[in-house]
């Protein structure tokens, strides 16, 4: 189990140090801002949709390793998904991160690396910030979303 935990930590650190899709997405169809007042993480999520499918996703912002890694993994996970599929993924990840779900984590693929956050309730908000921001972008919600 410790080997698996080490692998997860390596993946999280890799996505923190070299976040995927970390840039402003020109021509984004949807944009949303997220803020975690507990630790100060902030991010802006950009989505480019065509015919209800997320063609591109990116983000910018400042945050801890968990917040940044989660947003990086999020942008990779939602590309090619419909808005409905992305909403379903949001709900599944939120339930997984908070421990509300009894589903096997393997259904989430790479996102399983964030399993450890369930042991640290304060870190759950870091891991879910990008996901709540995705939910807001899909709903075209006005104003920044917070984890509070």
Protein backbone atom coordinates (compact mmCIF):
# COMPACT_ATOMS: atom_id res chain seq x y z
CA UNK A 1 0.00 0.00 0.00
CA UNK A 2 2.87 2.40 0.72
CA UNK A 3 4.16 1.90 -2.85
CA UNK A 4 0.76 2.93 -4.18
CA UNK A 5 0.67 5.95 -1.89
CA UNK A 6 4.14 6.97 -3.07
CA UNK A 7 3.03 6.66 -6.70
CA UNK A 8 0.01 8.84 -5.97
CA UNK A 9 2.22 11.45 -4.31
CA UNK A 10 4.55 11.44 -7.32
CA UNK A 11 1.65 12.00 -9.72
CA UNK A 12 0.29 14.84 -7.59
CA UNK A 13 3.72 16.49 -7.39
CA UNK A 14 4.21 16.09 -11.14
CA UNK A 15 0.88 17.80 -11.88
CA UNK A 16 1.73 20.52 -9.36
CA UNK A 17 5.19 21.21 -10.74
CA UNK A 18 4.15 20.87 -14.39
CA UNK A 19 0.41 21.49 -14.52
CA UNK A 20 -1.24 20.44 -17.75
CA UNK A 21 -3.29 23.01 -19.64
CA UNK A 22 -2.09 25.85 -17.41
CA UNK A 23 -2.79 28.87 -19.60
CA UNK A 24 -5.50 31.30 -20.58
CA UNK A 25 -7.63 29.71 -23.28
CA UNK A 26 -8.32 32.25 -26.00
CA UNK A 27 -11.80 31.97 -27.44
CA UNK A 28 -13.20 30.12 -24.41
CA UNK A 29 -16.97 29.63 -24.53
CA UNK A 30 -17.25 29.39 -20.75
CA UNK A 31 -15.18 30.80 -17.95
CA UNK A 32 -15.59 30.57 -14.19
CA UNK A 33 -13.60 31.68 -11.17
CA UNK A 34 -13.11 29.69 -8.00
CA UNK A 35 -11.79 30.64 -4.58
CA UNK A 36 -11.00 28.65 -1.45
CA UNK A 37 -11.10 31.17 1.42
CA UNK A 38 -9.70 28.60 3.86
CA UNK A 39 -6.25 28.55 2.24
CA UNK A 40 -6.40 31.25 -0.45
CA UNK A 41 -6.37 29.03 -3.55
CA UNK A 42 -7.74 30.86 -6.60
CA UNK A 43 -8.27 29.68 -10.12
CA UNK A 44 -9.97 30.56 -13.37
CA UNK A 45 -11.22 27.69 -15.50
CA UNK A 46 -11.67 28.06 -19.26
CA UNK A 47 -13.74 25.74 -21.45
CA UNK A 48 -14.11 25.70 -25.21
CA UNK A 49 -17.28 23.89 -26.23
CA UNK A 50 -18.53 22.89 -29.65
CA UNK A 51 -21.93 21.28 -30.06
CA UNK A 52 -22.10 20.50 -26.35
CA UNK A 53 -18.70 18.79 -26.23
CA UNK A 54 -15.70 20.16 -24.31
CA UNK A 55 -13.00 20.49 -26.96
CA UNK A 56 -10.47 22.22 -24.75
CA UNK A 57 -10.08 23.02 -21.06
CA UNK A 58 -7.44 25.04 -19.26
CA UNK A 59 -6.90 26.94 -16.04
CA UNK A 60 -4.81 29.64 -14.43
CA UNK A 61 -4.34 30.60 -10.83
CA UNK A 62 -2.44 30.10 -7.65
CA UNK A 63 -2.89 27.32 -5.19
CA UNK A 64 -1.42 24.52 -3.16
CA UNK A 65 -0.14 21.27 -4.66
CA UNK A 66 -3.48 19.48 -4.21
CA UNK A 67 -5.54 22.29 -5.74
CA UNK A 68 -3.21 22.71 -8.72
CA UNK A 69 -2.82 18.97 -9.34
CA UNK A 70 -6.58 18.44 -9.13
CA UNK A 71 -7.26 21.26 -11.62
CA UNK A 72 -4.59 19.88 -13.95
CA UNK A 73 -6.11 16.39 -13.80
CA UNK A 74 -9.58 17.89 -14.27
CA UNK A 75 -8.62 19.62 -17.53
CA UNK A 76 -7.26 16.35 -18.90
CA UNK A 77 -10.32 14.39 -17.75
CA UNK A 78 -13.05 16.55 -19.26
CA UNK A 79 -11.67 16.99 -22.77
CA UNK A 80 -13.89 15.21 -25.27
CA UNK A 81 -16.75 14.83 -22.78
CA UNK A 82 -20.22 16.24 -23.27
CA UNK A 83 -21.49 18.78 -20.78
CA UNK A 84 -23.68 16.07 -19.22
CA UNK A 85 -20.73 13.67 -18.93
CA UNK A 86 -18.62 16.41 -17.32
CA UNK A 87 -21.43 17.11 -14.81
CA UNK A 88 -21.62 13.40 -13.99
CA UNK A 89 -17.85 13.33 -13.50
CA UNK A 90 -18.10 16.41 -11.22
CA UNK A 91 -20.67 14.67 -9.02
CA UNK A 92 -18.71 11.41 -8.94
CA UNK A 93 -15.47 13.17 -8.03
CA UNK A 94 -17.11 15.31 -5.34
CA UNK A 95 -18.73 12.24 -3.79
CA UNK A 96 -15.43 10.33 -4.01
CA UNK A 97 -13.35 13.14 -2.47
CA UNK A 98 -15.79 13.74 0.39
CA UNK A 99 -16.23 10.03 1.10
CA UNK A 100 -19.96 10.16 0.28
CA UNK A 101 -19.61 7.56 -2.48
CA UNK A 102 -19.34 3.83 -2.13
CA UNK A 103 -18.39 3.47 -5.80
CA UNK A 104 -15.00 1.99 -6.55
CA UNK A 105 -12.46 4.75 -7.14
CA UNK A 106 -11.24 2.94 -10.24
CA UNK A 107 -14.26 4.36 -12.10
CA UNK A 108 -12.52 7.73 -11.91
CA UNK A 109 -9.31 6.60 -13.61
CA UNK A 110 -6.37 8.94 -13.01
CA UNK A 111 -8.41 10.97 -10.55
CA UNK A 112 -7.99 8.14 -8.06
CA UNK A 113 -4.59 9.61 -7.15
CA UNK A 114 -6.44 12.18 -5.07
CA UNK A 115 -7.92 9.50 -2.79
CA UNK A 116 -5.74 10.56 0.13
CA UNK A 117 -7.55 13.86 0.57
CA UNK A 118 -10.45 12.07 2.24
CA UNK A 119 -8.18 11.54 5.26
CA UNK A 120 -7.68 15.31 5.59
CA UNK A 121 -11.01 17.17 5.54
CA UNK A 122 -9.37 20.58 5.07
CA UNK A 123 -7.66 19.28 1.90
CA UNK A 124 -10.96 18.11 0.39
CA UNK A 125 -11.78 21.75 -0.35
CA UNK A 126 -8.43 22.13 -2.12
CA UNK A 127 -9.08 19.05 -4.27
CA UNK A 128 -12.65 20.02 -5.15
CA UNK A 129 -12.10 23.72 -5.91
CA UNK A 130 -11.49 23.15 -9.62
CA UNK A 131 -14.44 20.78 -9.79
CA UNK A 132 -16.85 23.26 -8.22
CA UNK A 133 -15.49 25.82 -10.67
CA UNK A 134 -16.19 23.39 -13.54
CA UNK A 135 -19.75 22.96 -12.26
CA UNK A 136 -20.18 26.76 -12.20
CA UNK A 137 -18.77 27.12 -15.73
CA UNK A 138 -21.12 24.45 -17.08
CA UNK A 139 -24.07 26.14 -15.36
CA UNK A 140 -22.87 29.54 -16.62
CA UNK A 141 -23.11 30.81 -13.04
CA UNK A 142 -22.28 34.44 -12.37
CA UNK A 143 -19.60 35.43 -9.88
CA UNK A 144 -16.85 33.41 -8.29
CA UNK A 145 -17.65 30.06 -6.69
CA UNK A 146 -16.22 29.27 -3.27
CA UNK A 147 -15.64 26.04 -1.39
CA UNK A 148 -17.46 27.44 1.66
